[in-house]
């Protein structure tokens, strides 16, 4: 048997370190066994998926050295490798489940489902679909369908007994069927949910090992049931421990930078980031903490994965990155990496239009552009003192803008401008006055290059980190009686 693994990111935002973490372990399992590693794009969420995000994911994973054998950009015998291009395939398999009685059409309205959820919450019972449309006779269901009543396709789920999930790391896991919801498989628009598309694609792409985060354990019974309904063998299942914040909560961009783009922009080496992601849940047999991707793949053994919640510690990552810089790069190679990082022509050409009209000497570029080449800014609470905005108001403004920036699908000047203008209006400030503390937080000074252009160049995660740290700085310095916070 040829081992085939896959990573299947959703192109709905910046490329996440969690995606790289999962991709790394799938890559190592495949490479160690002489198998194949596949990349598939799960873009059935049409409203949130975008091509810019997809391009960033591919570029970031490739920057990390996680090359794939089959995928949307390299092709392969099992394509297309993009779910939005496979919708007819999913509808065919959904029709098969309906014909065999393993699925049913659900005509419940969103309003009825919301009322059901509210009633279940009030009663303190587990939320889930109550099976109402299972009671429809074939004639009733056909009449509703003939009248063009909107419906989704749900899977039938046993109400009694236990589903056994055999996990390569955790052994036997028992989950009662009564806890498993009658999952929607096909949405009203004819697009599949993750669960149907995932199982169908893994089967058709001959995936032998499904290696994903532990948050998917509760969904495993649904997937096993679908494999059984179709009469397909279940691939080997392995649920990796989740990356966590220092407080053991799930790694989240609201508490830690999570974008691969952020770490690349900060000057971390791809070798160091891959090395650190490997250390999150695995160790070399000799205990050495610094190793290459090839060394990890060559020595890889699933049995060496630790199930303890791995804490993503930026200080440890920075220490490891320092070792890579000092121990693995000659002076010439170090200079080349610096040039690739931020002194490359593409990056400089984005900055030049912002600074050219603001200098009379080339030596003036240093102070003016330093924030483009920096990570953390050395700020003081007094830097934010403003006659027109109190610290409390500034904190509330930072919190509101941070929330707005998080919601942006596309990170560009126009979208950033809209968020800040909307917040300025909400706080009833002229935009010029409202932007002053944002200049300080993002660029370190009120005399800087245009803010919106600068934020686009810096990127979402670096801007968010700077705004959040400015907020924390002010919250620490101001009186404790105010209540402005950000999640």
Protein backbone atom coordinates (compact mmCIF):
# COMPACT_ATOMS: atom_id res chain seq x y z
CA UNK A 1 0.00 0.00 0.00
CA UNK A 2 1.26 3.46 -0.91
CA UNK A 3 0.77 5.88 1.97
CA UNK A 4 -1.13 8.97 0.88
CA UNK A 5 -1.80 11.89 3.21
CA UNK A 6 -3.30 15.31 2.61
CA UNK A 7 -3.76 18.77 4.01
CA UNK A 8 -6.98 20.56 3.10
CA UNK A 9 -6.99 24.25 4.08
CA UNK A 10 -9.91 26.60 3.59
CA UNK A 11 -8.97 29.83 1.75
CA UNK A 12 -10.87 32.15 4.08
CA UNK A 13 -8.11 34.23 5.63
CA UNK A 14 -4.38 34.51 6.15
CA UNK A 15 -2.46 31.19 6.12
CA UNK A 16 -2.57 29.86 9.69
CA UNK A 17 0.34 28.27 11.57
CA UNK A 18 -2.13 25.54 12.55
CA UNK A 19 -2.46 24.66 8.86
CA UNK A 20 1.33 24.47 8.58
CA UNK A 21 1.48 22.31 11.73
CA UNK A 22 -1.04 19.81 10.32
CA UNK A 23 0.61 19.90 6.89
CA UNK A 24 4.01 19.20 8.46
CA UNK A 25 2.90 16.01 10.18
CA UNK A 26 1.04 14.79 7.09
CA UNK A 27 4.12 15.55 5.02
CA UNK A 28 6.42 13.63 7.37
CA UNK A 29 4.16 10.56 7.52
CA UNK A 30 4.08 10.41 3.72
CA UNK A 31 7.77 11.12 3.14
CA UNK A 32 8.95 8.68 5.82
CA UNK A 33 6.92 5.91 4.17
CA UNK A 34 7.96 6.86 0.63
CA UNK A 35 4.38 7.87 -0.11
CA UNK A 36 2.61 10.94 -1.47
CA UNK A 37 1.49 14.19 0.12
CA UNK A 38 -1.53 15.93 -1.42
CA UNK A 39 -2.83 19.48 -1.06
CA UNK A 40 -6.56 20.05 -1.52
CA UNK A 41 -8.43 23.34 -1.28
CA UNK A 42 -11.69 23.14 0.68
CA UNK A 43 -13.53 26.19 -0.63
CA UNK A 44 -17.17 25.16 -0.34
CA UNK A 45 -17.77 28.24 1.83
CA UNK A 46 -18.32 30.37 -1.26
CA UNK A 47 -19.09 33.57 0.65
CA UNK A 48 -15.79 33.60 2.59
CA UNK A 49 -13.37 31.87 0.22
CA UNK A 50 -11.20 34.08 -1.96
CA UNK A 51 -8.37 33.54 -4.46
CA UNK A 52 -5.98 35.86 -2.60
CA UNK A 53 -6.17 33.67 0.48
CA UNK A 54 -5.66 30.54 -1.59
CA UNK A 55 -2.57 32.00 -3.25
CA UNK A 56 -1.16 33.04 0.14
CA UNK A 57 -1.68 29.54 1.56
CA UNK A 58 0.13 27.88 -1.33
CA UNK A 59 2.99 30.38 -1.21
CA UNK A 60 3.39 30.10 2.57
CA UNK A 61 3.42 26.30 2.68
CA UNK A 62 5.91 26.23 -0.17
CA UNK A 63 8.06 28.84 1.62
CA UNK A 64 8.19 26.41 4.54
CA UNK A 65 9.44 23.67 2.23
CA UNK A 66 6.27 21.54 2.43
CA UNK A 67 6.10 20.61 -1.24
CA UNK A 68 3.13 18.49 -2.37
CA UNK A 69 2.94 15.78 -5.03
CA UNK A 70 -0.59 16.61 -6.17
CA UNK A 71 -2.58 19.81 -5.84
CA UNK A 72 -4.45 22.63 -7.57
CA UNK A 73 -1.28 24.20 -8.95
CA UNK A 74 0.67 21.05 -9.87
CA UNK A 75 -2.20 18.82 -11.00
CA UNK A 76 -2.38 15.07 -10.60
CA UNK A 77 -4.53 12.05 -11.50
CA UNK A 78 -7.24 12.75 -8.89
CA UNK A 79 -8.15 16.34 -9.71
CA UNK A 80 -9.59 18.81 -9.59
CA UNK A 81 -8.07 19.54 -6.18
CA UNK A 82 -10.47 22.35 -5.42
CA UNK A 83 -13.84 21.45 -3.94
CA UNK A 84 -15.76 24.24 -5.65
CA UNK A 85 -14.95 22.49 -8.94
CA UNK A 86 -16.28 19.12 -7.71
CA UNK A 87 -19.86 20.04 -6.77
CA UNK A 88 -21.46 17.68 -9.29
CA UNK A 89 -19.54 14.76 -7.77
CA UNK A 90 -20.88 15.55 -4.29
CA UNK A 91 -24.45 15.84 -5.53
CA UNK A 92 -24.12 12.41 -7.15
CA UNK A 93 -23.05 10.81 -3.88
CA UNK A 94 -25.72 12.70 -1.92
CA UNK A 95 -28.32 11.32 -4.34
CA UNK A 96 -26.97 7.82 -3.72
CA UNK A 97 -27.40 8.23 0.04
CA UNK A 98 -30.97 9.48 -0.47
CA UNK A 99 -31.81 6.56 -2.74
CA UNK A 100 -30.44 4.05 -0.24
CA UNK A 101 -32.28 5.65 2.69
CA UNK A 102 -29.10 6.77 4.47
CA UNK A 103 -30.04 10.44 4.09
CA UNK A 104 -33.23 12.48 3.95
CA UNK A 105 -34.45 15.86 2.78
CA UNK A 106 -35.01 18.36 5.55
CA UNK A 107 -37.44 21.19 4.77
CA UNK A 108 -37.20 22.94 8.16
CA UNK A 109 -36.83 26.71 7.91
CA UNK A 110 -33.97 28.59 9.59
CA UNK A 111 -36.57 30.15 11.90
CA UNK A 112 -37.85 26.75 13.01
CA UNK A 113 -34.31 25.49 13.63
CA UNK A 114 -33.47 28.59 15.67
CA UNK A 115 -36.59 28.10 17.79
CA UNK A 116 -35.57 24.46 18.32
CA UNK A 117 -32.06 25.48 19.45
CA UNK A 118 -33.45 28.09 21.84
CA UNK A 119 -35.90 25.60 23.34
CA UNK A 120 -33.14 23.02 23.80
CA UNK A 121 -30.90 25.57 25.49
CA UNK A 122 -33.68 26.59 27.87
CA UNK A 123 -34.33 22.94 28.68
CA UNK A 124 -30.64 22.29 29.25
CA UNK A 125 -30.48 19.48 26.69
CA UNK A 126 -27.86 18.84 24.03
CA UNK A 127 -28.60 20.94 20.91
CA UNK A 128 -29.22 19.05 17.72
CA UNK A 129 -31.74 18.33 15.00
CA UNK A 130 -34.85 16.57 16.35
CA UNK A 131 -35.59 14.45 13.28
CA UNK A 132 -38.85 16.14 12.42
CA UNK A 133 -38.52 15.64 8.64
CA UNK A 134 -37.77 11.95 9.15
CA UNK A 135 -41.46 11.63 9.95
CA UNK A 136 -42.55 12.92 6.54
CA UNK A 137 -44.00 10.28 4.27
CA UNK A 138 -42.43 9.91 0.81
CA UNK A 139 -45.53 11.53 -0.69
CA UNK A 140 -45.34 14.51 1.68
CA UNK A 141 -41.65 15.02 0.97
CA UNK A 142 -42.21 14.79 -2.77
CA UNK A 143 -45.04 17.34 -2.61
CA UNK A 144 -42.85 19.82 -0.76
CA UNK A 145 -40.06 19.26 -3.25
CA UNK A 146 -42.43 19.66 -6.22
CA UNK A 147 -43.58 22.98 -4.75
CA UNK A 148 -39.94 24.16 -4.72
CA UNK A 149 -39.79 24.27 -0.93
CA UNK A 150 -36.12 24.83 0.01
CA UNK A 151 -34.42 21.85 1.63
CA UNK A 152 -31.08 20.51 2.77
CA UNK A 153 -29.93 16.90 2.74
CA UNK A 154 -29.19 15.42 6.18
CA UNK A 155 -27.64 12.08 7.08
CA UNK A 156 -29.44 9.48 9.14
CA UNK A 157 -27.69 8.76 12.42
CA UNK A 158 -28.43 5.88 14.82
CA UNK A 159 -29.94 6.99 18.13
CA UNK A 160 -28.60 4.06 20.15
CA UNK A 161 -25.30 2.29 20.57
CA UNK A 162 -21.67 3.35 20.41
CA UNK A 163 -19.37 4.34 17.58
CA UNK A 164 -15.80 3.12 18.03
CA UNK A 165 -13.10 5.42 16.67
CA UNK A 166 -9.73 3.70 16.38
CA UNK A 167 -7.15 6.46 16.62
CA UNK A 168 -3.48 5.85 15.83
CA UNK A 169 -2.43 8.01 18.80
CA UNK A 170 -5.26 7.62 21.28
CA UNK A 171 -6.35 4.05 20.72
CA UNK A 172 -10.00 3.13 21.10
CA UNK A 173 -12.40 6.07 21.53
CA UNK A 174 -16.06 5.36 22.23
CA UNK A 175 -18.69 7.96 21.31
CA UNK A 176 -22.39 7.41 21.88
CA UNK A 177 -24.54 7.80 18.78
CA UNK A 178 -27.07 9.82 20.77
CA UNK A 179 -24.48 12.65 20.93
CA UNK A 180 -24.04 12.79 17.14
CA UNK A 181 -26.20 15.29 15.25
CA UNK A 182 -28.00 14.47 11.99
CA UNK A 183 -25.45 16.41 9.98
CA UNK A 184 -26.38 18.51 6.95
CA UNK A 185 -24.53 17.01 3.98
CA UNK A 186 -25.81 19.20 1.16
CA UNK A 187 -26.83 22.82 1.66
CA UNK A 188 -29.75 24.59 0.02
CA UNK A 189 -27.48 25.99 -2.68
CA UNK A 190 -26.39 22.47 -3.63
CA UNK A 191 -22.91 22.86 -2.16
CA UNK A 192 -21.67 20.17 0.22
CA UNK A 193 -20.72 20.69 3.83
CA UNK A 194 -17.22 19.77 4.96
CA UNK A 195 -18.33 16.34 6.13
CA UNK A 196 -19.63 14.97 2.83
CA UNK A 197 -16.94 16.60 0.70
CA UNK A 198 -14.18 15.46 3.04
CA UNK A 199 -15.20 11.80 2.97
CA UNK A 200 -15.89 11.68 -0.77
CA UNK A 201 -12.65 13.42 -1.68
CA UNK A 202 -10.52 11.34 0.67
CA UNK A 203 -11.94 8.20 -0.91
CA UNK A 204 -11.60 9.34 -4.52
CA UNK A 205 -8.10 10.70 -3.89
CA UNK A 206 -7.10 7.38 -2.26
CA UNK A 207 -6.08 8.95 1.05
CA UNK A 208 -4.83 6.23 3.38
CA UNK A 209 -4.16 8.29 6.52
CA UNK A 210 -6.36 11.16 7.72
CA UNK A 211 -4.22 13.23 10.09
CA UNK A 212 -5.96 16.29 11.52
CA UNK A 213 -6.50 18.25 14.73
CA UNK A 214 -8.16 16.78 17.79
CA UNK A 215 -11.11 19.15 17.39
CA UNK A 216 -12.34 16.75 14.70
CA UNK A 217 -12.65 13.76 17.04
CA UNK A 218 -16.32 14.53 17.70
CA UNK A 219 -16.96 14.50 13.93
CA UNK A 220 -15.24 11.16 13.37
CA UNK A 221 -18.48 9.13 13.93
CA UNK A 222 -20.19 11.06 11.13
CA UNK A 223 -17.32 10.33 8.76
CA UNK A 224 -17.09 6.67 9.78
CA UNK A 225 -20.83 6.34 9.25
CA UNK A 226 -20.56 7.82 5.75
CA UNK A 227 -17.73 5.42 4.88
CA UNK A 228 -19.95 2.55 6.06
CA UNK A 229 -22.96 3.83 4.13
CA UNK A 230 -20.90 3.96 0.93
CA UNK A 231 -19.30 0.59 1.64
CA UNK A 232 -15.80 2.05 1.72
CA UNK A 233 -12.96 1.13 4.09
CA UNK A 234 -12.21 3.75 6.73
CA UNK A 235 -8.71 5.27 6.38
CA UNK A 236 -6.37 5.30 9.35
CA UNK A 237 -7.36 8.16 11.67
CA UNK A 238 -4.95 10.26 13.69
CA UNK A 239 -5.94 13.33 15.70
CA UNK A 240 -3.07 15.65 16.56
CA UNK A 241 -3.01 17.67 19.80
CA UNK A 242 -4.10 21.26 19.30
CA UNK A 243 -1.68 24.15 19.41
CA UNK A 244 -2.48 26.25 22.47
CA UNK A 245 -1.94 29.67 23.99
CA UNK A 246 0.04 29.88 27.27
CA UNK A 247 -3.28 29.71 29.19
CA UNK A 248 -3.99 26.37 27.42
CA UNK A 249 -6.81 27.83 25.31
CA UNK A 250 -6.86 27.01 21.60
CA UNK A 251 -4.33 29.06 19.65
CA UNK A 252 -6.21 32.10 18.42
CA UNK A 253 -5.31 35.22 16.50
CA UNK A 254 -7.07 37.20 19.22
CA UNK A 255 -4.29 36.24 21.63
CA UNK A 256 -1.30 35.32 19.51
CA UNK A 257 -0.12 36.07 15.98
CA UNK A 258 -1.27 33.05 13.97
CA UNK A 259 -0.52 33.99 10.37
CA UNK A 260 2.48 32.43 8.66
CA UNK A 261 2.81 35.78 6.89
CA UNK A 262 3.42 37.46 10.25
CA UNK A 263 6.33 35.19 11.14
CA UNK A 264 7.79 35.57 7.67
CA UNK A 265 7.44 39.34 7.92
CA UNK A 266 9.07 39.37 11.37
CA UNK A 267 12.20 37.71 9.98
CA UNK A 268 11.81 34.15 11.20
CA UNK A 269 13.54 31.62 8.96
CA UNK A 270 11.28 29.00 7.38
CA UNK A 271 13.64 26.29 8.63
CA UNK A 272 13.24 27.53 12.20
CA UNK A 273 9.45 27.81 12.02
CA UNK A 274 9.09 24.28 10.61
CA UNK A 275 11.53 23.02 13.23
CA UNK A 276 9.51 24.65 16.01
CA UNK A 277 6.17 23.35 14.71
CA UNK A 278 7.68 19.87 14.75
CA UNK A 279 8.76 20.35 18.36
CA UNK A 280 5.19 21.23 19.30
CA UNK A 281 4.18 17.58 19.43
CA UNK A 282 7.20 15.47 18.46
CA UNK A 283 10.83 14.92 19.39
CA UNK A 284 13.91 13.46 17.74
CA UNK A 285 15.09 10.12 19.17
CA UNK A 286 18.31 11.74 20.43
CA UNK A 287 16.43 14.63 22.05
CA UNK A 288 18.05 17.31 19.86
CA UNK A 289 15.70 20.29 19.54
CA UNK A 290 17.20 21.70 16.36
CA UNK A 291 16.60 19.63 13.24
CA UNK A 292 15.82 20.04 9.54
CA UNK A 293 12.64 19.05 7.76
CA UNK A 294 14.52 16.22 6.03
CA UNK A 295 15.86 14.96 9.37
CA UNK A 296 12.37 15.01 10.89
CA UNK A 297 10.87 13.11 7.94
CA UNK A 298 13.70 10.58 7.99
CA UNK A 299 13.33 9.82 11.71
CA UNK A 300 9.58 10.27 11.91
CA UNK A 301 7.52 7.92 14.05
CA UNK A 302 3.91 8.61 15.09
CA UNK A 303 4.61 6.92 18.42
CA UNK A 304 6.85 9.84 19.37
CA UNK A 305 3.97 12.33 19.21
CA UNK A 306 3.05 13.67 22.66
CA UNK A 307 -0.63 14.18 23.42
CA UNK A 308 0.01 16.95 25.94
CA UNK A 309 -1.38 20.31 24.84
CA UNK A 310 1.56 21.96 23.03
CA UNK A 311 1.95 25.62 24.02
CA UNK A 312 2.98 27.95 21.21
CA UNK A 313 5.71 29.97 22.90
CA UNK A 314 7.01 32.81 20.73
CA UNK A 315 10.02 33.26 23.03
CA UNK A 316 11.06 29.65 22.43
CA UNK A 317 10.53 30.06 18.68
CA UNK A 318 12.66 33.22 18.72
CA UNK A 319 15.43 31.40 20.64
CA UNK A 320 15.38 28.57 18.10
CA UNK A 321 15.40 31.03 15.20
CA UNK A 322 18.50 32.64 16.72
CA UNK A 323 20.26 29.28 16.73
CA UNK A 324 19.46 28.82 13.04
CA UNK A 325 20.75 32.28 12.19
CA UNK A 326 24.01 31.82 14.10
CA UNK A 327 24.74 28.16 13.49
CA UNK A 328 23.55 27.55 9.95
CA UNK A 329 24.21 30.71 7.96
CA UNK A 330 27.57 31.95 6.77
CA UNK A 331 28.01 35.73 6.62
CA UNK A 332 27.21 35.66 2.92
CA UNK A 333 24.11 33.52 3.46
CA UNK A 334 23.02 35.79 6.32
CA UNK A 335 23.25 38.80 3.99
CA UNK A 336 21.25 36.94 1.35
CA UNK A 337 18.50 36.14 3.84
CA UNK A 338 18.32 39.78 4.96
CA UNK A 339 17.97 40.83 1.35
CA UNK A 340 15.25 38.25 0.70
CA UNK A 341 13.43 39.25 3.88
CA UNK A 342 12.96 43.01 3.51
CA UNK A 343 15.58 44.52 1.23
CA UNK A 344 14.23 42.83 -1.86
CA UNK A 345 13.08 44.94 -4.77
CA UNK A 346 9.39 43.98 -4.56
CA UNK A 347 9.07 45.09 -0.93
CA UNK A 348 11.09 48.27 -1.46
CA UNK A 349 9.01 49.22 -4.49
CA UNK A 350 5.87 49.13 -2.35
CA UNK A 351 7.46 51.58 0.10
CA UNK A 352 9.17 53.94 -2.37
CA UNK A 353 5.99 55.74 -3.53
CA UNK A 354 5.18 56.56 0.11
CA UNK A 355 8.59 58.02 1.01
CA UNK A 356 10.01 59.57 -2.14
CA UNK A 357 8.15 62.87 -1.77
CA UNK A 358 9.00 63.08 1.95
CA UNK A 359 12.81 63.08 1.83
CA UNK A 360 15.53 65.39 0.58
CA UNK A 361 18.39 63.06 1.44
CA UNK A 362 18.63 59.28 1.15
CA UNK A 363 19.92 59.26 4.72
CA UNK A 364 16.49 60.44 5.83
CA UNK A 365 15.01 57.10 4.77
CA UNK A 366 16.21 55.32 7.90
CA UNK A 367 14.04 57.07 10.52
CA UNK A 368 11.11 57.36 8.14
CA UNK A 369 10.98 53.69 7.16
CA UNK A 370 12.30 52.00 10.31
CA UNK A 371 8.84 50.78 11.30
CA UNK A 372 8.61 48.85 8.01
CA UNK A 373 11.66 46.83 9.08
CA UNK A 374 10.72 46.42 12.74
CA UNK A 375 8.74 43.95 14.81
CA UNK A 376 7.77 45.46 18.15
CA UNK A 377 7.88 49.23 18.52
CA UNK A 378 9.37 50.82 21.61
CA UNK A 379 6.40 52.90 22.78
CA UNK A 380 5.60 54.82 25.93
CA UNK A 381 2.07 55.57 27.22
CA UNK A 382 2.91 59.27 26.99
CA UNK A 383 3.31 58.86 23.22
CA UNK A 384 -0.48 58.59 23.07
CA UNK A 385 -1.26 61.72 25.09
CA UNK A 386 -3.77 63.71 23.09
CA UNK A 387 -5.80 66.80 23.90
CA UNK A 388 -8.77 65.56 21.88
CA UNK A 389 -8.84 61.86 22.86
CA UNK A 390 -8.52 60.49 26.39
CA UNK A 391 -6.71 57.22 26.98
CA UNK A 392 -10.02 55.53 27.71
CA UNK A 393 -11.43 56.63 24.37
CA UNK A 394 -8.25 55.58 22.58
CA UNK A 395 -8.49 52.12 24.16
CA UNK A 396 -12.11 51.75 23.10
CA UNK A 397 -11.22 52.93 19.60
CA UNK A 398 -8.36 50.40 19.36
CA UNK A 399 -10.71 47.63 20.51
CA UNK A 400 -13.39 48.52 17.98
CA UNK A 401 -10.94 48.84 15.09
CA UNK A 402 -9.24 45.55 15.99
CA UNK A 403 -12.62 43.82 15.79
CA UNK A 404 -13.35 45.46 12.45
CA UNK A 405 -9.99 44.53 10.96
CA UNK A 406 -10.52 40.92 12.00
CA UNK A 407 -13.67 40.77 9.88
CA UNK A 408 -11.98 41.89 6.67
CA UNK A 409 -11.95 39.25 3.96
CA UNK A 410 -9.43 41.16 1.85
CA UNK A 411 -6.57 43.13 3.39
CA UNK A 412 -6.07 46.24 1.29
CA UNK A 413 -6.01 50.02 1.59
CA UNK A 414 -9.67 50.45 0.68
CA UNK A 415 -10.96 47.94 3.21
CA UNK A 416 -8.72 49.29 5.99
CA UNK A 417 -9.84 52.85 5.21
CA UNK A 418 -13.49 51.85 5.48
CA UNK A 419 -13.00 50.28 8.93
CA UNK A 420 -11.20 53.30 10.36
CA UNK A 421 -13.60 55.82 8.81
CA UNK A 422 -16.57 53.91 10.20
CA UNK A 423 -15.02 53.89 13.67
CA UNK A 424 -14.17 57.60 13.47
CA UNK A 425 -17.82 58.32 12.66
CA UNK A 426 -18.97 56.08 15.51
CA UNK A 427 -16.79 58.02 17.96
CA UNK A 428 -17.82 61.32 16.33
CA UNK A 429 -14.26 62.41 15.56
CA UNK A 430 -12.83 63.96 12.45
CA UNK A 431 -10.80 61.30 10.70
CA UNK A 432 -7.56 63.28 11.02
CA UNK A 433 -7.94 63.54 14.80
CA UNK A 434 -9.09 59.95 15.16
CA UNK A 435 -6.07 58.53 13.30
CA UNK A 436 -3.37 60.12 15.47
CA UNK A 437 -3.08 57.28 18.05
CA UNK A 438 -3.23 54.73 15.24
CA UNK A 439 -0.21 56.34 13.60
CA UNK A 440 1.63 56.03 16.91
CA UNK A 441 0.62 52.40 17.44
CA UNK A 442 1.39 51.26 13.88
CA UNK A 443 4.31 53.48 12.84
CA UNK A 444 5.64 54.73 16.17
CA UNK A 445 5.15 58.37 15.27
CA UNK A 446 2.50 60.82 14.08
CA UNK A 447 4.88 61.96 11.33
CA UNK A 448 4.97 58.97 9.06
CA UNK A 449 4.01 57.64 5.67
CA UNK A 450 0.25 57.45 4.88
CA UNK A 451 -1.36 55.17 7.45
CA UNK A 452 -3.71 53.14 5.26
CA UNK A 453 -1.01 52.39 2.66
CA UNK A 454 1.45 51.52 5.42
CA UNK A 455 -0.98 49.13 7.08
CA UNK A 456 -1.60 47.34 3.79
CA UNK A 457 2.14 46.83 3.32
CA UNK A 458 2.77 45.71 6.91
CA UNK A 459 -0.02 43.11 6.76
CA UNK A 460 -2.95 42.17 8.95
CA UNK A 461 -1.18 40.25 11.70
CA UNK A 462 1.68 42.70 12.26
CA UNK A 463 -0.78 45.61 12.39
CA UNK A 464 -2.98 43.69 14.76
CA UNK A 465 -0.08 42.84 17.06
CA UNK A 466 1.03 46.47 17.20
CA UNK A 467 -2.48 47.73 17.92
CA UNK A 468 -3.07 45.10 20.57
CA UNK A 469 0.24 45.79 22.31
CA UNK A 470 -0.49 49.52 22.24
CA UNK A 471 -3.88 48.77 23.79
CA UNK A 472 -2.31 46.61 26.50
CA UNK A 473 0.27 49.31 27.19
CA UNK A 474 -2.45 51.91 27.72
CA UNK A 475 -4.65 49.57 29.74
CA UNK A 476 -1.75 48.90 32.10
CA UNK A 477 -0.93 52.59 32.45
CA UNK A 478 -4.43 54.03 32.80
CA UNK A 479 -6.66 53.91 35.90
CA UNK A 480 -8.23 50.50 36.48
CA UNK A 481 -11.76 51.92 36.68
CA UNK A 482 -12.33 51.97 32.93
CA UNK A 483 -13.66 48.97 31.11
CA UNK A 484 -12.39 49.12 27.54
CA UNK A 485 -11.22 45.66 26.56
CA UNK A 486 -10.56 43.62 23.47
CA UNK A 487 -11.03 39.90 23.15
